[in-house]
Amino acid sequence: MKGLVLAGGNGTRLRPITHTGAKQLVPVANKPILFYGLEHLAAAGITEVGMVVGATGPEIRDAVGDGSAWGLAVTYIEQDEPRGLAHCVLIARDFLGDDDVIVYLGDNLLRHGVTDLVRRFEARRHPAPGPDGRVEPFSAQVLLARVPDPQRFGVAVLGPDGTVAGLVEKPERPPSDLALVGVYLFDRSIHDAVRAIRPSARGELEITDAIEWLIHRGHRVRHQVLDGWWKDTGALAPLLEGNRLVLEAVEPAIDGTVDGASRIEGRVRIGAGAVVEASVIRGPAVIGEGARVARSQVGPFTAIGPGCQIVDSGIEDSIVLRDSRVTGVAHLAGSLIGREVEVTRTERAPGPTRLMLGDHSWLDLGA
C-alpha cells in the first residue's frame, strides 16, 4: 500500500496566517500538523508516499525533504490549483500504479493514527471464503466520526449489511451523524472512478462522487468509526482545540534554564536553550528551543515557538509561532500568532485580548 498525502489548498479559513505559509505546517504543540500525519503513515507500515502540493509546494518540500526523517520515500506531485480531492488521485495515477492507497488530508489531526485502519483494510481486502465458498472482497474503506453538526460535512448512509450505501455532501437534513473524517483507502478501482466523474457545482472533482460511482457500480465500500478524537485543523477554533488535546499528552521535560524565581506547574516541556526568568509556566504547555519567558505567566494549553520572547505578559490557550515577541500584554487568550510578529502594549488594560495575526505583522495595543 502507498500513501497519498494532500498538502495543497489555499487555507482560506486560516488567513492571514496562510497568506504566507502552508496551513499544513502550522504547528500544534510546536510540531507542524503535517508531521503528525507522516508519523501515522510510517507507524502503519507505509513506506512510499506521494505528496500533492500546490502554491506552497516549495515550503512543504523544505520542511519534509525526501521523507527519510520518518523512514518514508516521498514523491512530490504538483497540482496547478485546487481542483478537488478526487483530482489529487487522478494526477497521482503514475505514482500509485495498481497498488492500494491510503489518502490522507494533510491538515487532519487524529489521536490514534491509522495503523488499525490499514490493518483492517488489508485483512478485509483478501478475506477467507465463507461457508458457501464465496469470497466477498471490497474496493474502498472510509473513516467516519460521529459529530454533533453533520450538516457541515460529507455524511455516510449505511446499508443493512454495514457497508456504505451512499454519501451526501453537507446535507441540510443529515441522514446520519457519521461524518467523513478525511482518510480513505482504495484499491485500483478508484482510478476508474476519478476518470469517470465530472466536476461538481464548485468546479472540483469530489472524492464523495468517486465513492458514489464505485457504490453504484456494485463495488463494496466498508467503513470504520473513529476511535478517539479527530480535528480538521483548517480553522482557528479546531486548531486551538487540537493544540489543547495534543498538549494534554505532552511528556514533561526541562532542557532549558529555569531560574529560582520561576515556578513550573503540571506537564511542561521546555526546549534546549530556552530561558525562563521570574515566570510561572502552567501546563500543559511547551516552550520552544531558544525562547525566552521573562516576568510572565504562560499556560495552560499554550505552545510558544522556538526563538520567541514573552516578556511582562500573560498568555493562555494560544499558539505563538517562531521568532515572535509579546511584550506588556496582560492577558492574551485564544490566539494564533504568526512568525516574526511583535505584539506590545504601551499601557496595560483589563480584560483579555483576542488576536489572529499573519506573519511579519506588528501590532501596538494602545491604552
Protein backbone atom coordinates (compact mmCIF):
# COMPACT_ATOMS: atom_id res chain seq x y z
CA MET A 1 0.00 0.00 0.00
CA LYS A 2 1.12 3.53 -0.81
CA GLY A 3 0.19 6.77 0.90
CA LEU A 4 -1.17 9.87 -0.82
CA VAL A 5 -0.97 12.97 1.36
CA LEU A 6 -2.91 16.02 0.21
CA ALA A 7 -0.91 19.11 1.14
CA GLY A 8 -2.21 21.68 -1.32
CA GLY A 9 -5.16 24.02 -0.93
CA ASN A 10 -5.26 27.69 -0.09
CA GLY A 11 -6.15 27.51 3.61
CA THR A 12 -8.66 30.35 3.34
CA ARG A 13 -10.14 29.68 6.80
CA LEU A 14 -6.78 30.39 8.45
CA ARG A 15 -5.98 33.62 6.67
CA PRO A 16 -3.96 35.78 7.12
CA ILE A 17 -1.62 33.10 8.50
CA THR A 18 -1.88 31.13 5.25
CA HIS A 19 -1.18 34.13 3.03
CA THR A 20 2.48 33.50 3.73
CA GLY A 21 2.64 29.84 4.72
CA ALA A 22 1.14 26.39 4.23
CA LYS A 23 -1.76 25.53 6.53
CA GLN A 24 -0.35 22.02 6.92
CA LEU A 25 2.81 23.46 8.52
CA VAL A 26 1.06 25.47 11.23
CA PRO A 27 2.40 23.89 14.44
CA VAL A 28 0.36 22.09 17.07
CA ALA A 29 2.34 21.68 20.31
CA ASN A 30 5.31 23.09 18.32
CA LYS A 31 5.17 20.38 15.65
CA PRO A 32 3.75 21.03 12.15
CA ILE A 33 0.36 19.39 11.67
CA LEU A 34 1.63 17.59 8.57
CA PHE A 35 4.34 15.82 10.57
CA TYR A 36 1.76 14.03 12.72
CA GLY A 37 0.23 12.52 9.59
CA LEU A 38 3.61 11.38 8.27
CA GLU A 39 4.34 9.76 11.62
CA HIS A 40 0.99 7.94 11.50
CA LEU A 41 1.61 6.63 7.98
CA ALA A 42 5.09 5.41 8.89
CA ALA A 43 3.72 3.69 12.01
CA ALA A 44 1.16 1.89 9.81
CA GLY A 45 3.95 0.41 7.69
CA ILE A 46 3.63 2.75 4.72
CA THR A 47 7.00 3.44 3.10
CA GLU A 48 6.13 5.20 -0.19
CA VAL A 49 4.19 8.47 -0.03
CA GLY A 50 3.01 10.78 -2.77
CA MET A 51 2.66 14.38 -1.60
CA VAL A 52 0.25 16.53 -3.61
CA VAL A 53 1.34 20.17 -3.33
CA GLY A 54 0.20 23.47 -4.77
CA ALA A 55 1.30 27.08 -4.39
CA THR A 56 3.00 26.36 -1.06
CA GLY A 57 4.92 23.44 -2.54
CA PRO A 58 8.40 24.92 -2.00
CA GLU A 59 7.70 25.42 1.71
CA ILE A 60 6.35 21.87 2.04
CA ARG A 61 9.42 20.49 0.24
CA ASP A 62 11.78 22.40 2.52
CA ALA A 63 10.03 21.07 5.63
CA VAL A 64 9.56 17.44 4.57
CA GLY A 65 12.51 16.86 2.28
CA ASP A 66 12.75 13.33 0.92
CA GLY A 67 10.80 11.89 3.85
CA SER A 68 13.75 9.96 5.26
CA ALA A 69 13.28 11.60 8.68
CA TRP A 70 10.19 9.35 9.03
CA GLY A 71 11.55 6.36 7.15
CA LEU A 72 9.50 7.34 4.09
CA ALA A 73 10.29 7.90 0.43
CA VAL A 74 8.32 10.99 -0.62
CA THR A 75 7.45 11.80 -4.23
CA TYR A 76 6.05 15.29 -4.89
CA ILE A 77 3.09 15.69 -7.25
CA GLU A 78 2.27 19.20 -8.46
CA GLN A 79 -1.32 20.42 -8.64
CA ASP A 80 -1.69 23.69 -10.55
CA GLU A 81 -4.63 24.83 -8.42
CA PRO A 82 -7.13 23.23 -6.02
CA ARG A 83 -9.39 21.02 -8.14
CA GLY A 84 -10.80 18.60 -5.56
CA LEU A 85 -9.64 15.55 -3.64
CA ALA A 86 -10.51 13.18 -6.48
CA HIS A 87 -8.38 15.29 -8.81
CA CYS A 88 -5.43 14.63 -6.50
CA VAL A 89 -5.94 10.89 -7.01
CA LEU A 90 -6.30 11.45 -10.75
CA ILE A 91 -2.95 13.23 -11.13
CA ALA A 92 -1.22 10.68 -8.88
CA ARG A 93 -2.02 7.77 -11.24
CA ASP A 94 1.56 7.22 -12.39
CA PHE A 95 2.87 7.24 -8.82
CA LEU A 96 0.18 4.93 -7.44
CA GLY A 97 0.19 2.36 -10.23
CA ASP A 98 -2.08 -0.56 -9.32
CA ASP A 99 -1.22 -0.52 -5.61
CA ASP A 100 -3.73 0.02 -2.83
CA VAL A 101 -3.65 3.56 -1.44
CA ILE A 102 -4.48 5.43 1.74
CA VAL A 103 -5.48 9.03 1.00
CA TYR A 104 -4.76 11.31 3.95
CA LEU A 105 -5.62 15.01 4.25
CA GLY A 106 -2.51 16.84 5.40
CA ASP A 107 -4.33 19.10 7.90
CA ASN A 108 -6.02 16.20 9.70
CA LEU A 109 -5.16 15.56 13.34
CA LEU A 110 -6.03 12.09 14.67
CA ARG A 111 -5.45 10.82 18.16
CA HIS A 112 -4.75 7.17 17.35
CA GLY A 113 -3.34 7.38 13.84
CA VAL A 114 -4.25 4.95 11.04
CA THR A 115 -2.44 1.71 11.89
CA ASP A 116 -5.61 -0.18 12.84
CA LEU A 117 -7.45 1.20 9.81
CA VAL A 118 -4.74 -0.01 7.43
CA ARG A 119 -4.55 -3.45 9.04
CA ARG A 120 -8.30 -3.93 8.83
CA PHE A 121 -8.37 -2.83 5.20
CA GLU A 122 -5.62 -5.24 4.23
CA ALA A 123 -7.31 -8.10 6.10
CA ARG A 124 -10.73 -7.42 4.57
CA ARG A 125 -9.36 -6.94 1.07
CA HIS A 126 -8.36 -10.59 0.96
CA PRO A 127 -10.94 -12.37 3.13
CA ALA A 128 -11.19 -16.10 3.62
CA PRO A 129 -14.02 -17.86 1.74
CA GLY A 130 -17.33 -18.13 3.58
CA PRO A 131 -19.24 -21.36 4.32
CA ASP A 132 -20.57 -21.37 0.75
CA GLY A 133 -17.09 -20.92 -0.69
CA ARG A 134 -17.76 -17.36 -1.84
CA VAL A 135 -15.26 -14.55 -1.34
CA GLU A 136 -16.57 -11.02 -0.93
CA PRO A 137 -13.71 -8.54 -1.23
CA PHE A 138 -14.35 -4.81 -1.23
CA SER A 139 -12.86 -1.82 -3.02
CA ALA A 140 -12.79 1.01 -0.51
CA GLN A 141 -12.96 1.86 3.16
CA VAL A 142 -13.79 5.22 4.72
CA LEU A 143 -13.12 6.52 8.20
CA LEU A 144 -16.14 8.06 9.91
CA ALA A 145 -16.69 10.02 13.11
CA ARG A 146 -19.88 10.83 15.00
CA VAL A 147 -20.31 14.61 15.06
CA PRO A 148 -22.94 16.93 16.57
CA ASP A 149 -23.16 19.05 13.39
CA PRO A 150 -23.14 16.63 10.43
CA GLN A 151 -24.56 19.27 8.09
CA ARG A 152 -21.04 20.73 7.93
CA PHE A 153 -19.52 17.54 6.49
CA GLY A 154 -19.87 14.79 3.98
CA VAL A 155 -22.19 12.26 5.65
CA ALA A 156 -22.37 8.50 5.15
CA VAL A 157 -25.54 6.44 4.74
CA LEU A 158 -25.04 2.84 5.87
CA GLY A 159 -26.80 -0.19 4.44
CA PRO A 160 -28.20 -3.08 6.48
CA ASP A 161 -25.03 -5.11 5.92
CA GLY A 162 -22.81 -2.34 7.34
CA THR A 163 -21.40 -1.24 4.00
CA VAL A 164 -21.66 2.36 2.84
CA ALA A 165 -24.82 2.74 0.78
CA GLY A 166 -24.31 6.39 -0.14
CA LEU A 167 -22.72 9.71 0.71
CA VAL A 168 -24.30 13.15 1.00
CA GLU A 169 -22.20 16.32 0.92
CA LYS A 170 -23.16 18.89 3.61
CA PRO A 171 -26.87 17.96 3.72
CA GLU A 172 -29.47 20.32 5.15
CA ARG A 173 -31.16 17.28 6.72
CA PRO A 174 -28.38 14.81 7.52
CA PRO A 175 -29.37 11.14 7.19
CA SER A 176 -26.90 10.23 9.97
CA ASP A 177 -24.36 11.77 12.31
CA LEU A 178 -21.46 9.89 10.66
CA ALA A 179 -19.11 12.38 9.01
CA LEU A 180 -16.24 11.61 6.65
CA VAL A 181 -13.00 12.21 8.51
CA GLY A 182 -10.68 12.71 5.55
CA VAL A 183 -8.89 9.36 5.45
CA TYR A 184 -9.79 6.99 2.61
CA LEU A 185 -8.46 3.61 1.49
CA PHE A 186 -8.90 2.31 -2.06
CA ASP A 187 -7.87 -0.44 -4.39
CA ARG A 188 -7.04 0.19 -8.06
CA SER A 189 -10.73 0.67 -8.98
CA ILE A 190 -10.56 4.25 -7.66
CA HIS A 191 -8.72 5.22 -10.85
CA ASP A 192 -11.72 4.27 -12.97
CA ALA A 193 -13.95 6.30 -10.66
CA VAL A 194 -11.94 9.53 -10.72
CA ARG A 195 -11.69 9.37 -14.52
CA ALA A 196 -15.43 8.86 -14.89
CA ILE A 197 -16.84 11.61 -12.66
CA ARG A 198 -17.37 15.23 -13.68
CA PRO A 199 -16.66 18.44 -11.72
CA SER A 200 -19.21 19.44 -9.11
CA ALA A 201 -21.05 22.77 -8.96
CA ARG A 202 -17.99 24.30 -7.33
CA GLY A 203 -15.78 23.12 -10.21
CA GLU A 204 -13.96 20.34 -8.35
CA LEU A 205 -13.70 16.57 -8.67
CA GLU A 206 -15.22 15.40 -5.39
CA ILE A 207 -13.99 12.25 -3.66
CA THR A 208 -17.55 11.67 -2.46
CA ASP A 209 -18.69 11.50 -6.11
CA ALA A 210 -15.94 8.98 -6.85
CA ILE A 211 -17.03 6.77 -3.95
CA GLU A 212 -20.66 7.06 -5.06
CA TRP A 213 -19.56 5.96 -8.54
CA LEU A 214 -17.99 2.84 -7.02
CA ILE A 215 -21.11 2.06 -4.96
CA HIS A 216 -23.49 2.44 -7.91
CA ARG A 217 -21.38 0.01 -9.93
CA GLY A 218 -21.50 -2.71 -7.35
CA HIS A 219 -18.22 -2.11 -5.52
CA ARG A 220 -18.42 -2.75 -1.79
CA VAL A 221 -17.34 0.17 0.41
CA ARG A 222 -16.71 -0.59 4.06
CA HIS A 223 -16.49 1.86 6.94
CA GLN A 224 -14.81 2.18 10.29
CA VAL A 225 -15.97 4.54 13.03
CA LEU A 226 -13.15 6.55 14.56
CA ASP A 227 -11.89 5.59 17.99
CA GLY A 228 -10.67 8.74 19.74
CA TRP A 229 -10.74 12.37 18.72
CA TRP A 230 -10.23 13.93 15.32
CA LYS A 231 -9.72 17.54 14.33
CA ASP A 232 -9.86 19.22 10.94
CA THR A 233 -7.39 21.98 11.78
CA GLY A 234 -8.22 24.22 8.83
CA ALA A 235 -9.88 26.88 11.04
CA LEU A 236 -8.84 28.67 14.22
CA ALA A 237 -11.21 27.07 16.76
CA PRO A 238 -10.47 23.41 15.90
CA LEU A 239 -6.77 24.24 15.56
CA LEU A 240 -6.64 25.56 19.12
CA GLU A 241 -8.71 22.61 20.32
CA GLY A 242 -6.29 20.23 18.63
CA ASN A 243 -3.43 22.04 20.33
CA ARG A 244 -5.12 21.52 23.70
CA LEU A 245 -5.69 17.82 23.05
CA VAL A 246 -2.11 17.15 21.96
CA LEU A 247 -0.67 19.16 24.85
CA GLU A 248 -2.61 17.04 27.34
CA ALA A 249 -0.33 14.15 26.40
CA VAL A 250 2.95 16.11 26.35
CA GLU A 251 5.89 14.46 28.06
CA PRO A 252 7.33 16.91 30.62
CA ALA A 253 11.00 17.79 30.20
CA ILE A 254 13.15 20.77 31.09
CA ASP A 255 16.09 21.03 28.70
CA GLY A 256 16.42 24.79 29.06
CA THR A 257 17.14 27.04 32.05
CA VAL A 258 14.60 27.91 34.74
CA ASP A 259 15.68 30.36 37.46
CA GLY A 260 14.84 30.13 41.15
CA ALA A 261 12.23 32.88 40.93
CA SER A 262 10.14 30.85 38.46
CA ARG A 263 7.56 28.13 39.00
CA ILE A 264 6.71 25.20 36.74
CA GLU A 265 3.29 23.60 37.28
CA GLY A 266 1.99 20.48 35.59
CA ARG A 267 3.09 18.95 32.28
CA VAL A 268 5.58 21.38 30.75
CA ARG A 269 8.26 20.83 28.12
CA ILE A 270 10.99 23.47 27.84
CA GLY A 271 13.29 23.20 24.85
CA ALA A 272 17.07 23.38 24.76
CA GLY A 273 18.46 26.89 25.08
CA ALA A 274 15.15 28.30 26.33
CA VAL A 275 15.28 30.61 29.36
CA VAL A 276 12.53 31.14 31.93
CA GLU A 277 13.04 34.07 34.31
CA ALA A 278 10.77 35.13 37.20
CA SER A 279 7.79 33.49 35.48
CA VAL A 280 5.07 30.91 36.01
CA ILE A 281 4.55 28.21 33.37
CA ARG A 282 1.32 26.27 33.84
CA GLY A 283 0.99 23.03 31.96
CA PRO A 284 0.15 21.57 29.71
CA ALA A 285 2.47 23.84 27.77
CA VAL A 286 5.57 23.76 25.58
CA ILE A 287 8.31 26.38 25.28
CA GLY A 288 10.37 26.07 22.11
CA GLU A 289 14.12 25.97 21.76
CA GLY A 290 15.88 29.27 22.32
CA ALA A 291 12.74 31.03 23.56
CA ARG A 292 12.76 33.47 26.48
CA VAL A 293 9.96 33.94 29.01
CA ALA A 294 10.53 36.76 31.50
CA ARG A 295 8.23 38.10 34.25
CA SER A 296 5.29 36.39 32.60
CA GLN A 297 2.62 33.75 33.05
CA VAL A 298 2.31 31.18 30.27
CA GLY A 299 -0.34 28.47 30.01
CA PRO A 300 -2.20 26.35 30.34
CA PHE A 301 -2.71 24.93 26.82
CA THR A 302 -0.10 27.15 25.22
CA ALA A 303 2.66 26.46 22.70
CA ILE A 304 5.44 29.04 22.44
CA GLY A 305 7.54 28.53 19.32
CA PRO A 306 11.33 28.49 19.01
CA GLY A 307 13.08 31.83 19.37
CA CYS A 308 10.04 33.63 20.80
CA GLN A 309 10.18 36.20 23.58
CA ILE A 310 7.34 36.55 26.08
CA VAL A 311 8.07 39.48 28.39
CA ASP A 312 5.90 41.07 31.10
CA SER A 313 2.86 39.28 29.69
CA GLY A 314 0.20 36.64 30.33
CA ILE A 315 -0.79 34.17 27.63
CA GLU A 316 -3.00 31.08 27.69
CA ASP A 317 -4.80 28.72 25.30
CA SER A 318 -2.76 30.05 22.38
CA ILE A 319 -0.20 29.19 19.72
CA VAL A 320 2.73 31.51 19.04
CA LEU A 321 4.88 30.69 16.02
CA ARG A 322 8.65 31.03 15.93
CA ASP A 323 10.61 34.25 16.49
CA SER A 324 7.64 36.32 17.66
CA ARG A 325 7.64 38.74 20.59
CA VAL A 326 4.85 39.55 23.05
CA THR A 327 5.60 42.40 25.47
CA GLY A 328 3.47 44.03 28.13
CA VAL A 329 0.22 42.26 27.25
CA ALA A 330 -1.56 41.34 30.48
CA HIS A 331 -3.99 38.70 29.20
CA LEU A 332 -3.72 37.14 25.76
CA ALA A 333 -6.06 34.18 25.20
CA GLY A 334 -7.45 32.01 22.39
CA SER A 335 -4.96 33.40 19.86
CA LEU A 336 -2.87 32.25 16.93
CA ILE A 337 0.16 34.47 16.31
CA GLY A 338 2.28 34.02 13.19
CA ARG A 339 6.03 34.07 12.69
CA GLU A 340 8.13 37.13 13.47
CA VAL A 341 5.16 39.01 14.89
CA GLU A 342 5.51 41.74 17.52
CA VAL A 343 2.67 42.37 19.94
CA THR A 344 3.11 45.13 22.51
CA ARG A 345 1.09 47.38 24.79
CA THR A 346 2.18 50.80 25.95
CA GLU A 347 -0.15 50.69 28.97
CA ARG A 348 -1.86 47.71 30.50
CA ALA A 349 -5.64 47.41 30.30
CA PRO A 350 -8.01 44.90 31.94
CA GLY A 351 -9.64 42.02 30.12
CA PRO A 352 -8.34 39.52 27.53
CA THR A 353 -7.16 40.38 24.04
CA ARG A 354 -8.01 38.00 21.17
CA LEU A 355 -5.87 38.01 18.04
CA MET A 356 -5.23 36.19 14.80
CA LEU A 357 -2.18 37.77 13.19
CA GLY A 358 -0.38 36.99 9.95
CA ASP A 359 3.34 36.51 9.55
CA HIS A 360 5.68 39.57 9.80
CA SER A 361 2.97 41.67 11.46
CA TRP A 362 3.45 44.41 14.06
CA LEU A 363 0.68 45.44 16.44
CA ASP A 364 0.75 48.16 19.11
CA LEU A 365 -2.09 47.80 21.59
CA GLY A 366 -2.51 51.33 22.91
CA ALA A 367 -4.23 52.30 26.13
